[in-house]
Amino acid sequence: PDAIFGLGVGSIGDGLVSDTGSVLRAHSVFVGRDGGTGQLAIANGAELRTEITAQGSATREGETYLGWDNASTGEVADGMLAVYGEDAGNIATFNNAASIFVGVEGRGELRIGRDLDGNTVGSGVVNAASLIVGDADGNDLDNLVVVDGANAQVNTTGSIVVGDAGRGVWESFNGSTTTAGTSFNVGVRDGSVSTALFDGTGTTLTALNL
């Protein structure tokens, strides 16, 4: 089944998975859908995991969407996911089997090493096949990925795209690590006004192509 936080106009969906041994498993994850607002925290050694079944029949299986689609009446979907904190030596981790979309039609935000309130915790890991920030044409919202802290990591086997057809912002601070298995791209299509910032001692970006 899917995990959905904030479905429909006027909805506010909040989720917290916390502490070592706590795991949320789903085929797909939606945070902010159909004009709804959602927040999800994976904290203190907990894990979020999307999975692709042996059948693999669902078109969005293994994927995660933050700020997926807006309502037909114009209300903007808004979704935030934060991955942060350690417990008994275990770092909060998001293992995503396929792609992560941060802002499709709506606004999306992914925080690694920061909590939902924006406080720097300094640890958190995201693993995915690919990551796209600012996906849809005409999405000029502040779709954001922030990676903050020496034990904050983003790892993809494929590409990281900051601003495909929409607007994307990437910020890495304080010794965090970003590794793209193939390419790290900023502002791919015409009209995508997007930026990437890497700041602080030890902050690194590794990719085959830039």
N, C-alpha and C. Protein backbone atom coordinates (compact mmCIF):
# COMPACT_ATOMS: atom_id res chain seq x y z
N PRO A 1 0.82 -1.20 0.00
CA PRO A 1 0.00 0.00 0.00
C PRO A 1 0.86 1.26 0.00
N ASP A 2 0.21 2.38 -0.33
CA ASP A 2 0.89 3.67 -0.32
C ASP A 2 0.79 4.31 1.06
N ALA A 3 1.74 5.18 1.38
CA ALA A 3 1.67 6.02 2.57
C ALA A 3 1.42 7.44 2.10
N ILE A 4 0.31 8.05 2.56
CA ILE A 4 -0.10 9.37 2.09
C ILE A 4 -0.31 10.28 3.29
N PHE A 5 0.30 11.45 3.24
CA PHE A 5 0.18 12.45 4.31
C PHE A 5 -0.29 13.76 3.68
N GLY A 6 -1.52 14.18 3.99
CA GLY A 6 -2.08 15.40 3.43
C GLY A 6 -2.68 15.18 2.07
N LEU A 7 -3.91 14.61 2.03
CA LEU A 7 -4.59 14.28 0.78
C LEU A 7 -5.83 15.13 0.64
N GLY A 8 -5.84 16.04 -0.32
CA GLY A 8 -7.02 16.83 -0.61
C GLY A 8 -6.98 18.22 -0.02
N VAL A 9 -7.76 19.10 -0.60
CA VAL A 9 -7.80 20.50 -0.21
C VAL A 9 -8.22 20.63 1.25
N GLY A 10 -7.46 21.41 2.02
CA GLY A 10 -7.77 21.64 3.42
C GLY A 10 -7.22 20.60 4.36
N SER A 11 -6.66 19.53 3.84
CA SER A 11 -6.13 18.48 4.71
C SER A 11 -4.73 18.82 5.19
N ILE A 12 -4.43 18.42 6.42
CA ILE A 12 -3.09 18.56 7.00
C ILE A 12 -2.71 17.22 7.58
N GLY A 13 -1.73 16.58 6.99
CA GLY A 13 -1.30 15.26 7.45
C GLY A 13 0.10 15.29 8.00
N ASP A 14 0.25 14.90 9.26
CA ASP A 14 1.55 14.89 9.93
C ASP A 14 1.93 13.46 10.32
N GLY A 15 3.20 13.11 10.11
CA GLY A 15 3.67 11.79 10.49
C GLY A 15 5.03 11.85 11.15
N LEU A 16 5.25 10.95 12.12
CA LEU A 16 6.54 10.84 12.81
C LEU A 16 6.86 9.38 12.99
N VAL A 17 8.05 8.99 12.50
CA VAL A 17 8.59 7.65 12.75
C VAL A 17 9.91 7.87 13.47
N SER A 18 10.01 7.38 14.71
CA SER A 18 11.15 7.75 15.54
C SER A 18 11.72 6.55 16.28
N ASP A 19 13.04 6.57 16.43
CA ASP A 19 13.82 5.65 17.26
C ASP A 19 14.20 4.37 16.51
N THR A 20 15.33 3.82 16.89
CA THR A 20 15.89 2.62 16.28
C THR A 20 14.89 1.48 16.30
N GLY A 21 14.77 0.81 15.17
CA GLY A 21 13.85 -0.32 15.04
C GLY A 21 12.49 0.06 14.49
N SER A 22 12.19 1.35 14.44
CA SER A 22 10.92 1.81 13.87
C SER A 22 11.08 1.97 12.36
N VAL A 23 10.21 1.33 11.60
CA VAL A 23 10.32 1.33 10.14
C VAL A 23 8.94 1.58 9.53
N LEU A 24 8.87 2.51 8.60
CA LEU A 24 7.69 2.71 7.77
C LEU A 24 8.02 2.17 6.39
N ARG A 25 7.24 1.16 5.96
CA ARG A 25 7.43 0.54 4.65
C ARG A 25 6.20 0.83 3.79
N ALA A 26 6.44 1.18 2.53
CA ALA A 26 5.33 1.47 1.62
C ALA A 26 5.78 1.24 0.19
N HIS A 27 4.80 1.00 -0.70
CA HIS A 27 5.13 0.91 -2.12
C HIS A 27 5.51 2.28 -2.65
N SER A 28 4.73 3.30 -2.27
CA SER A 28 5.00 4.68 -2.66
C SER A 28 4.65 5.60 -1.50
N VAL A 29 5.28 6.77 -1.48
CA VAL A 29 5.02 7.75 -0.43
C VAL A 29 4.61 9.07 -1.08
N PHE A 30 3.51 9.65 -0.57
CA PHE A 30 3.03 10.95 -1.03
C PHE A 30 2.91 11.86 0.19
N VAL A 31 3.59 12.99 0.17
CA VAL A 31 3.47 13.98 1.23
C VAL A 31 3.02 15.28 0.57
N GLY A 32 1.73 15.62 0.77
CA GLY A 32 1.13 16.74 0.06
C GLY A 32 0.64 16.31 -1.30
N ARG A 33 -0.68 15.96 -1.38
CA ARG A 33 -1.24 15.44 -2.63
C ARG A 33 -2.62 16.05 -2.86
N ASP A 34 -2.97 16.29 -4.11
CA ASP A 34 -4.28 16.83 -4.49
C ASP A 34 -4.59 18.12 -3.73
N GLY A 35 -3.61 18.99 -3.59
CA GLY A 35 -3.80 20.26 -2.92
C GLY A 35 -3.71 20.21 -1.41
N GLY A 36 -3.34 19.07 -0.85
CA GLY A 36 -3.20 18.94 0.60
C GLY A 36 -1.82 19.34 1.09
N THR A 37 -1.68 19.41 2.42
CA THR A 37 -0.42 19.77 3.07
C THR A 37 0.01 18.63 3.97
N GLY A 38 1.26 18.21 3.86
CA GLY A 38 1.75 17.11 4.67
C GLY A 38 3.17 17.32 5.15
N GLN A 39 3.47 16.73 6.32
CA GLN A 39 4.83 16.71 6.86
C GLN A 39 5.10 15.32 7.41
N LEU A 40 6.31 14.85 7.16
CA LEU A 40 6.72 13.54 7.66
C LEU A 40 8.14 13.64 8.17
N ALA A 41 8.37 13.15 9.40
CA ALA A 41 9.70 13.13 10.00
C ALA A 41 10.15 11.69 10.22
N ILE A 42 11.36 11.40 9.79
CA ILE A 42 12.01 10.12 10.07
C ILE A 42 13.18 10.47 10.98
N ALA A 43 13.06 10.09 12.26
CA ALA A 43 13.94 10.67 13.27
C ALA A 43 14.64 9.61 14.11
N ASN A 44 15.84 9.98 14.57
CA ASN A 44 16.52 9.28 15.66
C ASN A 44 16.67 7.78 15.42
N GLY A 45 17.27 7.45 14.27
CA GLY A 45 17.58 6.06 13.98
C GLY A 45 16.48 5.28 13.30
N ALA A 46 15.32 5.90 13.05
CA ALA A 46 14.22 5.22 12.37
C ALA A 46 14.51 5.11 10.87
N GLU A 47 13.64 4.38 10.15
CA GLU A 47 13.84 4.17 8.72
C GLU A 47 12.52 4.32 7.97
N LEU A 48 12.59 4.96 6.81
CA LEU A 48 11.52 4.98 5.81
C LEU A 48 12.03 4.18 4.62
N ARG A 49 11.18 3.26 4.13
CA ARG A 49 11.63 2.39 3.04
C ARG A 49 10.51 2.23 2.02
N THR A 50 10.79 2.58 0.76
CA THR A 50 9.86 2.24 -0.32
C THR A 50 10.38 1.00 -1.03
N GLU A 51 9.44 0.21 -1.52
CA GLU A 51 9.81 -1.09 -2.07
C GLU A 51 9.11 -1.34 -3.40
N ILE A 52 9.77 -2.08 -4.25
CA ILE A 52 9.20 -2.54 -5.51
C ILE A 52 8.94 -4.02 -5.36
N THR A 53 7.70 -4.43 -5.54
CA THR A 53 7.34 -5.84 -5.37
C THR A 53 7.83 -6.65 -6.56
N ALA A 54 7.74 -7.96 -6.41
CA ALA A 54 8.18 -8.85 -7.48
C ALA A 54 7.34 -8.65 -8.74
N GLN A 55 6.04 -8.27 -8.55
CA GLN A 55 5.19 -8.04 -9.71
C GLN A 55 5.56 -6.75 -10.41
N GLY A 56 5.85 -5.71 -9.60
CA GLY A 56 6.26 -4.43 -10.17
C GLY A 56 5.24 -3.83 -11.11
N SER A 57 3.95 -4.02 -10.82
CA SER A 57 2.90 -3.59 -11.74
C SER A 57 2.52 -2.12 -11.56
N ALA A 58 2.68 -1.60 -10.35
CA ALA A 58 2.26 -0.22 -10.09
C ALA A 58 3.24 0.76 -10.73
N THR A 59 2.70 1.76 -11.43
CA THR A 59 3.57 2.66 -12.20
C THR A 59 4.43 3.53 -11.30
N ARG A 60 3.98 3.80 -10.07
CA ARG A 60 4.75 4.65 -9.17
C ARG A 60 5.37 3.87 -8.03
N GLU A 61 5.46 2.60 -8.15
CA GLU A 61 6.00 1.77 -7.09
C GLU A 61 7.46 2.13 -6.80
N GLY A 62 7.76 2.26 -5.52
CA GLY A 62 9.13 2.58 -5.12
C GLY A 62 9.45 4.05 -5.14
N GLU A 63 8.49 4.91 -5.53
CA GLU A 63 8.76 6.33 -5.68
C GLU A 63 8.20 7.14 -4.51
N THR A 64 8.72 8.35 -4.34
CA THR A 64 8.27 9.29 -3.31
C THR A 64 8.03 10.64 -3.94
N TYR A 65 6.90 11.27 -3.54
CA TYR A 65 6.51 12.57 -4.09
C TYR A 65 6.24 13.53 -2.94
N LEU A 66 6.94 14.65 -2.94
CA LEU A 66 6.72 15.72 -1.97
C LEU A 66 6.14 16.91 -2.71
N GLY A 67 4.86 17.25 -2.42
CA GLY A 67 4.19 18.28 -3.20
C GLY A 67 3.87 17.77 -4.59
N TRP A 68 3.00 16.75 -4.64
CA TRP A 68 2.76 16.07 -5.91
C TRP A 68 1.88 16.90 -6.84
N ASP A 69 0.54 16.78 -6.71
CA ASP A 69 -0.31 17.50 -7.65
C ASP A 69 -1.19 18.51 -6.92
N ASN A 70 -1.43 19.64 -7.58
CA ASN A 70 -2.30 20.67 -7.05
C ASN A 70 -3.76 20.30 -7.29
N ALA A 71 -4.64 20.93 -6.54
CA ALA A 71 -6.07 20.70 -6.73
C ALA A 71 -6.55 21.35 -8.01
N SER A 72 -7.64 20.83 -8.57
CA SER A 72 -8.20 21.40 -9.80
C SER A 72 -8.70 22.83 -9.58
N THR A 73 -8.98 23.17 -8.32
CA THR A 73 -9.43 24.52 -7.98
C THR A 73 -8.28 25.47 -7.68
N GLY A 74 -7.03 24.98 -7.81
CA GLY A 74 -5.87 25.84 -7.71
C GLY A 74 -5.08 25.76 -6.43
N GLU A 75 -5.63 25.10 -5.40
CA GLU A 75 -4.87 24.99 -4.15
C GLU A 75 -3.59 24.20 -4.37
N VAL A 76 -2.49 24.71 -3.81
CA VAL A 76 -1.16 24.14 -4.04
C VAL A 76 -0.86 23.04 -3.03
N ALA A 77 -0.43 21.91 -3.51
CA ALA A 77 0.04 20.84 -2.62
C ALA A 77 1.38 21.25 -2.01
N ASP A 78 1.57 20.90 -0.74
CA ASP A 78 2.81 21.25 -0.04
C ASP A 78 3.26 20.07 0.79
N GLY A 79 4.47 19.59 0.53
CA GLY A 79 4.96 18.42 1.25
C GLY A 79 6.39 18.57 1.72
N MET A 80 6.61 18.23 2.99
CA MET A 80 7.95 18.31 3.56
C MET A 80 8.30 16.98 4.23
N LEU A 81 9.52 16.52 3.98
CA LEU A 81 10.05 15.32 4.61
C LEU A 81 11.39 15.65 5.23
N ALA A 82 11.56 15.29 6.51
CA ALA A 82 12.82 15.52 7.22
C ALA A 82 13.38 14.19 7.71
N VAL A 83 14.67 13.99 7.47
CA VAL A 83 15.37 12.77 7.89
C VAL A 83 16.53 13.22 8.76
N TYR A 84 16.49 12.85 10.04
CA TYR A 84 17.49 13.42 10.95
C TYR A 84 17.61 12.60 12.23
N GLY A 85 18.80 12.68 12.84
CA GLY A 85 18.99 12.20 14.20
C GLY A 85 19.51 10.78 14.30
N GLU A 86 20.22 10.53 15.42
CA GLU A 86 20.78 9.21 15.72
C GLU A 86 20.19 8.66 17.01
N ASP A 87 20.24 7.34 17.10
CA ASP A 87 19.83 6.66 18.32
C ASP A 87 20.64 5.38 18.44
N ALA A 88 21.38 5.25 19.52
CA ALA A 88 22.21 4.07 19.78
C ALA A 88 23.14 3.77 18.60
N GLY A 89 23.67 4.82 18.00
CA GLY A 89 24.61 4.67 16.89
C GLY A 89 23.97 4.47 15.54
N ASN A 90 22.63 4.43 15.48
CA ASN A 90 21.93 4.26 14.21
C ASN A 90 21.41 5.61 13.72
N ILE A 91 21.71 5.92 12.47
CA ILE A 91 21.31 7.19 11.88
C ILE A 91 19.98 7.02 11.15
N ALA A 92 19.09 7.99 11.30
CA ALA A 92 17.83 7.98 10.57
C ALA A 92 18.11 7.88 9.07
N THR A 93 17.36 6.97 8.39
CA THR A 93 17.66 6.65 7.01
C THR A 93 16.39 6.53 6.18
N PHE A 94 16.45 7.06 4.98
CA PHE A 94 15.38 6.94 4.00
C PHE A 94 15.94 6.14 2.83
N ASN A 95 15.48 4.91 2.66
CA ASN A 95 15.88 4.05 1.56
C ASN A 95 14.75 4.00 0.53
N ASN A 96 14.96 4.69 -0.58
CA ASN A 96 13.92 4.82 -1.60
C ASN A 96 14.31 3.98 -2.81
N ALA A 97 13.45 3.05 -3.20
CA ALA A 97 13.82 2.09 -4.24
C ALA A 97 13.93 2.71 -5.62
N ALA A 98 13.15 3.75 -5.88
CA ALA A 98 13.16 4.38 -7.20
C ALA A 98 13.48 5.86 -7.07
N SER A 99 12.67 6.72 -7.67
CA SER A 99 12.98 8.15 -7.70
C SER A 99 12.27 8.91 -6.58
N ILE A 100 12.91 9.97 -6.13
CA ILE A 100 12.30 10.94 -5.21
C ILE A 100 12.04 12.21 -6.00
N PHE A 101 10.80 12.72 -5.91
CA PHE A 101 10.42 13.96 -6.58
C PHE A 101 10.11 15.00 -5.51
N VAL A 102 10.86 16.07 -5.51
CA VAL A 102 10.68 17.15 -4.54
C VAL A 102 10.06 18.33 -5.28
N GLY A 103 8.73 18.43 -5.22
CA GLY A 103 8.02 19.46 -5.97
C GLY A 103 7.73 19.01 -7.38
N VAL A 104 6.53 18.45 -7.60
CA VAL A 104 6.09 18.11 -8.96
C VAL A 104 5.26 19.29 -9.46
N GLU A 105 3.95 19.30 -9.19
CA GLU A 105 3.17 20.52 -9.44
C GLU A 105 3.22 21.45 -8.23
N GLY A 106 3.23 20.86 -7.02
CA GLY A 106 3.23 21.62 -5.79
C GLY A 106 4.62 21.94 -5.29
N ARG A 107 4.67 22.40 -4.03
CA ARG A 107 5.96 22.73 -3.43
C ARG A 107 6.43 21.56 -2.56
N GLY A 108 7.69 21.18 -2.75
CA GLY A 108 8.28 20.10 -1.97
C GLY A 108 9.55 20.54 -1.28
N GLU A 109 9.81 19.93 -0.12
CA GLU A 109 11.05 20.21 0.61
C GLU A 109 11.54 18.93 1.27
N LEU A 110 12.82 18.63 1.08
CA LEU A 110 13.47 17.47 1.69
C LEU A 110 14.62 17.98 2.53
N ARG A 111 14.59 17.65 3.83
CA ARG A 111 15.66 18.05 4.75
C ARG A 111 16.39 16.81 5.25
N ILE A 112 17.71 16.85 5.14
CA ILE A 112 18.55 15.78 5.67
C ILE A 112 19.50 16.41 6.67
N GLY A 113 19.40 15.97 7.92
CA GLY A 113 20.21 16.56 8.97
C GLY A 113 19.57 17.74 9.66
N ARG A 114 18.35 18.10 9.26
CA ARG A 114 17.56 19.13 9.93
C ARG A 114 16.17 18.59 10.23
N ASP A 115 15.59 19.07 11.34
CA ASP A 115 14.25 18.62 11.68
C ASP A 115 13.20 19.49 10.99
N LEU A 116 11.94 19.21 11.25
CA LEU A 116 10.86 19.93 10.59
C LEU A 116 10.82 21.40 10.94
N ASP A 117 11.39 21.75 12.08
CA ASP A 117 11.44 23.16 12.50
C ASP A 117 12.65 23.89 11.96
N GLY A 118 13.52 23.19 11.23
CA GLY A 118 14.70 23.81 10.65
C GLY A 118 15.93 23.77 11.52
N ASN A 119 15.85 23.09 12.68
CA ASN A 119 17.01 22.98 13.56
C ASN A 119 18.01 21.98 13.01
N THR A 120 19.29 22.33 13.04
CA THR A 120 20.33 21.44 12.54
C THR A 120 20.63 20.36 13.56
N VAL A 121 20.47 19.12 13.13
CA VAL A 121 20.78 17.96 13.97
C VAL A 121 22.10 17.35 13.51
N GLY A 122 22.36 17.40 12.21
CA GLY A 122 23.67 17.04 11.69
C GLY A 122 23.83 15.62 11.20
N SER A 123 22.76 14.82 11.22
CA SER A 123 22.88 13.45 10.74
C SER A 123 21.58 13.02 10.08
N GLY A 124 21.70 12.13 9.10
CA GLY A 124 20.57 11.63 8.33
C GLY A 124 21.06 11.15 6.99
N VAL A 125 20.46 10.08 6.48
CA VAL A 125 20.92 9.48 5.22
C VAL A 125 19.73 9.25 4.30
N VAL A 126 19.90 9.63 3.03
CA VAL A 126 18.92 9.35 1.99
C VAL A 126 19.60 8.58 0.88
N ASN A 127 19.03 7.43 0.52
CA ASN A 127 19.52 6.61 -0.58
C ASN A 127 18.38 6.44 -1.59
N ALA A 128 18.67 6.68 -2.86
CA ALA A 128 17.62 6.58 -3.89
C ALA A 128 18.24 6.24 -5.23
N ALA A 129 17.37 5.86 -6.17
CA ALA A 129 17.84 5.63 -7.53
C ALA A 129 18.14 6.97 -8.20
N SER A 130 17.24 7.94 -8.03
CA SER A 130 17.47 9.28 -8.57
C SER A 130 16.68 10.27 -7.74
N LEU A 131 16.99 11.55 -7.91
CA LEU A 131 16.33 12.60 -7.13
C LEU A 131 16.11 13.80 -8.04
N ILE A 132 14.85 14.27 -8.11
CA ILE A 132 14.49 15.38 -8.98
C ILE A 132 13.86 16.47 -8.13
N VAL A 133 14.37 17.68 -8.22
CA VAL A 133 13.87 18.83 -7.47
C VAL A 133 13.29 19.84 -8.46
N GLY A 134 11.97 20.11 -8.36
CA GLY A 134 11.33 21.02 -9.30
C GLY A 134 11.09 20.34 -10.62
N ASP A 135 10.06 19.49 -10.65
CA ASP A 135 9.87 18.60 -11.80
C ASP A 135 9.05 19.21 -12.92
N ALA A 136 7.87 19.74 -12.61
CA ALA A 136 6.91 20.08 -13.65
C ALA A 136 7.12 21.47 -14.24
N ASP A 137 6.80 21.59 -15.50
CA ASP A 137 6.86 22.87 -16.20
C ASP A 137 5.92 23.87 -15.52
N GLY A 138 6.40 25.07 -15.27
CA GLY A 138 5.59 26.09 -14.64
C GLY A 138 5.64 26.11 -13.13
N ASN A 139 6.30 25.16 -12.53
CA ASN A 139 6.44 25.15 -11.08
C ASN A 139 7.61 26.04 -10.70
N ASP A 140 7.30 27.29 -10.31
CA ASP A 140 8.34 28.24 -9.92
C ASP A 140 8.38 28.45 -8.42
N LEU A 141 7.88 27.46 -7.67
CA LEU A 141 7.90 27.50 -6.21
C LEU A 141 9.29 27.17 -5.70
N ASP A 142 9.51 27.42 -4.40
CA ASP A 142 10.83 27.17 -3.81
C ASP A 142 10.94 25.71 -3.38
N ASN A 143 11.13 24.85 -4.36
CA ASN A 143 11.35 23.43 -4.09
C ASN A 143 12.79 23.24 -3.64
N LEU A 144 12.97 22.65 -2.46
CA LEU A 144 14.26 22.72 -1.78
C LEU A 144 14.72 21.37 -1.25
N VAL A 145 16.00 21.10 -1.44
CA VAL A 145 16.69 20.04 -0.71
C VAL A 145 17.81 20.69 0.08
N VAL A 146 17.85 20.40 1.39
CA VAL A 146 18.94 20.90 2.22
C VAL A 146 19.59 19.73 2.94
N VAL A 147 20.93 19.68 2.88
CA VAL A 147 21.72 18.62 3.51
C VAL A 147 22.68 19.31 4.46
N ASP A 148 22.57 19.00 5.75
CA ASP A 148 23.30 19.80 6.74
C ASP A 148 23.92 18.92 7.82
N GLY A 149 25.26 18.91 7.86
CA GLY A 149 25.96 18.22 8.93
C GLY A 149 26.92 17.15 8.44
N ALA A 150 27.92 16.87 9.26
CA ALA A 150 28.98 15.94 8.87
C ALA A 150 28.49 14.52 8.67
N ASN A 151 27.37 14.17 9.29
CA ASN A 151 26.80 12.84 9.11
C ASN A 151 25.50 12.88 8.31
N ALA A 152 25.36 13.90 7.49
CA ALA A 152 24.21 14.02 6.60
C ALA A 152 24.65 13.65 5.18
N GLN A 153 23.91 12.72 4.57
CA GLN A 153 24.32 12.19 3.27
C GLN A 153 23.13 12.03 2.34
N VAL A 154 23.38 12.29 1.05
CA VAL A 154 22.46 11.91 -0.02
C VAL A 154 23.25 11.08 -1.02
N ASN A 155 22.71 9.91 -1.36
CA ASN A 155 23.37 9.01 -2.30
C ASN A 155 22.37 8.52 -3.33
N THR A 156 22.71 8.67 -4.61
CA THR A 156 21.87 8.12 -5.67
C THR A 156 22.71 7.23 -6.58
N THR A 157 22.08 6.19 -7.09
CA THR A 157 22.76 5.35 -8.08
C THR A 157 22.69 5.99 -9.46
N GLY A 158 21.68 6.82 -9.67
CA GLY A 158 21.52 7.54 -10.93
C GLY A 158 21.76 9.03 -10.75
N SER A 159 20.94 9.84 -11.39
CA SER A 159 21.18 11.27 -11.44
C SER A 159 20.49 12.04 -10.32
N ILE A 160 21.00 13.23 -10.07
CA ILE A 160 20.34 14.24 -9.26
C ILE A 160 20.08 15.43 -10.18
N VAL A 161 18.81 15.85 -10.24
CA VAL A 161 18.41 16.96 -11.10
C VAL A 161 17.83 18.07 -10.22
N VAL A 162 18.45 19.21 -10.23
CA VAL A 162 17.98 20.38 -9.48
C VAL A 162 17.37 21.35 -10.48
N GLY A 163 16.04 21.27 -10.61
CA GLY A 163 15.36 22.06 -11.62
C GLY A 163 15.32 21.34 -12.94
N ASP A 164 14.31 20.49 -13.12
CA ASP A 164 14.11 19.85 -14.41
C ASP A 164 13.38 20.84 -15.31
N ALA A 165 12.04 20.85 -15.25
CA ALA A 165 11.31 21.90 -15.95
C ALA A 165 10.87 23.00 -14.98
N GLY A 166 10.84 22.69 -13.68
CA GLY A 166 10.47 23.66 -12.66
C GLY A 166 11.68 24.24 -11.95
N ARG A 167 11.40 24.92 -10.83
CA ARG A 167 12.46 25.55 -10.05
C ARG A 167 12.94 24.61 -8.95
N GLY A 168 14.26 24.48 -8.82
CA GLY A 168 14.86 23.67 -7.78
C GLY A 168 15.98 24.41 -7.08
N VAL A 169 16.09 24.16 -5.78
CA VAL A 169 17.17 24.75 -4.98
C VAL A 169 17.82 23.65 -4.17
N TRP A 170 19.15 23.59 -4.20
CA TRP A 170 19.92 22.60 -3.44
C TRP A 170 20.90 23.34 -2.55
N GLU A 171 20.92 22.99 -1.26
CA GLU A 171 21.84 23.62 -0.32
C GLU A 171 22.50 22.54 0.54
N SER A 172 23.82 22.53 0.55
CA SER A 172 24.59 21.59 1.36
C SER A 172 25.55 22.35 2.25
N PHE A 173 25.59 21.96 3.55
CA PHE A 173 26.37 22.70 4.52
C PHE A 173 27.12 21.77 5.48
N ASN A 174 28.18 22.36 6.09
CA ASN A 174 28.79 21.82 7.32
C ASN A 174 29.27 20.38 7.22
N GLY A 175 29.98 20.09 6.12
CA GLY A 175 30.60 18.78 5.99
C GLY A 175 29.71 17.68 5.48
N SER A 176 28.56 18.03 4.92
CA SER A 176 27.64 17.02 4.39
C SER A 176 28.19 16.44 3.09
N THR A 177 27.62 15.30 2.70
CA THR A 177 28.11 14.57 1.54
C THR A 177 26.97 14.31 0.56
N THR A 178 27.21 14.63 -0.70
CA THR A 178 26.25 14.34 -1.77
C THR A 178 26.97 13.53 -2.84
N THR A 179 26.41 12.38 -3.18
CA THR A 179 27.02 11.51 -4.19
C THR A 179 25.97 11.12 -5.22
N ALA A 180 26.19 11.52 -6.47
CA ALA A 180 25.32 11.14 -7.57
C ALA A 180 26.02 10.06 -8.39
N GLY A 181 25.35 8.93 -8.59
CA GLY A 181 25.98 7.82 -9.30
C GLY A 181 26.29 8.15 -10.75
N THR A 182 25.50 9.04 -11.34
CA THR A 182 25.78 9.46 -12.72
C THR A 182 26.03 10.97 -12.75
N SER A 183 24.98 11.77 -12.90
CA SER A 183 25.19 13.21 -13.09
C SER A 183 24.49 14.03 -12.02
N PHE A 184 25.01 15.24 -11.80
CA PHE A 184 24.38 16.26 -10.97
C PHE A 184 24.13 17.44 -11.89
N ASN A 185 22.84 17.74 -12.15
CA ASN A 185 22.47 18.75 -13.13
C ASN A 185 21.65 19.85 -12.48
N VAL A 186 21.87 21.09 -12.91
CA VAL A 186 21.15 22.24 -12.39
C VAL A 186 20.51 23.00 -13.55
N GLY A 187 19.17 23.20 -13.49
CA GLY A 187 18.47 23.95 -14.53
C GLY A 187 18.52 23.28 -15.87
N VAL A 188 17.84 22.14 -15.99
CA VAL A 188 17.98 21.31 -17.19
C VAL A 188 17.24 21.90 -18.39
N ARG A 189 15.98 22.29 -18.20
CA ARG A 189 15.17 22.73 -19.34
C ARG A 189 15.01 24.26 -19.35
N ASP A 190 14.65 24.76 -20.52
CA ASP A 190 14.44 26.20 -20.66
C ASP A 190 13.40 26.68 -19.65
N GLY A 191 13.70 27.78 -18.99
CA GLY A 191 12.77 28.35 -18.02
C GLY A 191 12.98 27.89 -16.61
N SER A 192 13.85 26.93 -16.39
CA SER A 192 14.13 26.45 -15.03
C SER A 192 15.21 27.33 -14.40
N VAL A 193 14.80 28.17 -13.44
CA VAL A 193 15.74 29.05 -12.74
C VAL A 193 16.08 28.37 -11.42
N SER A 194 17.24 27.73 -11.37
CA SER A 194 17.58 26.85 -10.25
C SER A 194 19.01 27.09 -9.79
N THR A 195 19.28 26.74 -8.54
CA THR A 195 20.59 26.99 -7.96
C THR A 195 21.04 25.82 -7.10
N ALA A 196 22.36 25.71 -6.92
CA ALA A 196 22.95 24.73 -6.02
C ALA A 196 24.09 25.40 -5.26
N LEU A 197 24.11 25.20 -3.95
CA LEU A 197 25.13 25.80 -3.07
C LEU A 197 25.75 24.71 -2.21
N PHE A 198 27.09 24.68 -2.20
CA PHE A 198 27.84 23.77 -1.32
C PHE A 198 28.79 24.65 -0.51
N ASP A 199 28.61 24.62 0.83
CA ASP A 199 29.32 25.57 1.67
C ASP A 199 29.77 24.88 2.96
N GLY A 200 30.96 25.25 3.40
CA GLY A 200 31.46 24.74 4.67
C GLY A 200 32.57 23.72 4.48
N THR A 201 33.50 23.70 5.42
CA THR A 201 34.63 22.76 5.38
C THR A 201 34.14 21.33 5.33
N GLY A 202 34.66 20.57 4.37
CA GLY A 202 34.34 19.16 4.27
C GLY A 202 33.07 18.85 3.51
N THR A 203 32.32 19.88 3.09
CA THR A 203 31.12 19.66 2.30
C THR A 203 31.52 19.20 0.91
N THR A 204 30.97 18.06 0.44
CA THR A 204 31.45 17.50 -0.81
C THR A 204 30.30 17.13 -1.74
N LEU A 205 30.58 17.23 -3.03
CA LEU A 205 29.73 16.73 -4.10
C LEU A 205 30.57 15.83 -4.97
N THR A 206 30.09 14.60 -5.20
CA THR A 206 30.77 13.67 -6.08
C THR A 206 29.79 13.20 -7.14
N ALA A 207 30.17 13.33 -8.41
CA ALA A 207 29.33 12.89 -9.52
C ALA A 207 30.21 12.57 -10.72
N LEU A 208 29.74 11.68 -11.58
CA LEU A 208 30.50 11.36 -12.80
C LEU A 208 30.47 12.53 -13.76
N ASN A 209 29.33 13.24 -13.81
CA ASN A 209 29.18 14.37 -14.72
C ASN A 209 28.51 15.52 -14.01
N LEU A 210 28.98 16.74 -14.28
CA LEU A 210 28.40 17.95 -13.73
C LEU A 210 27.94 18.87 -14.86
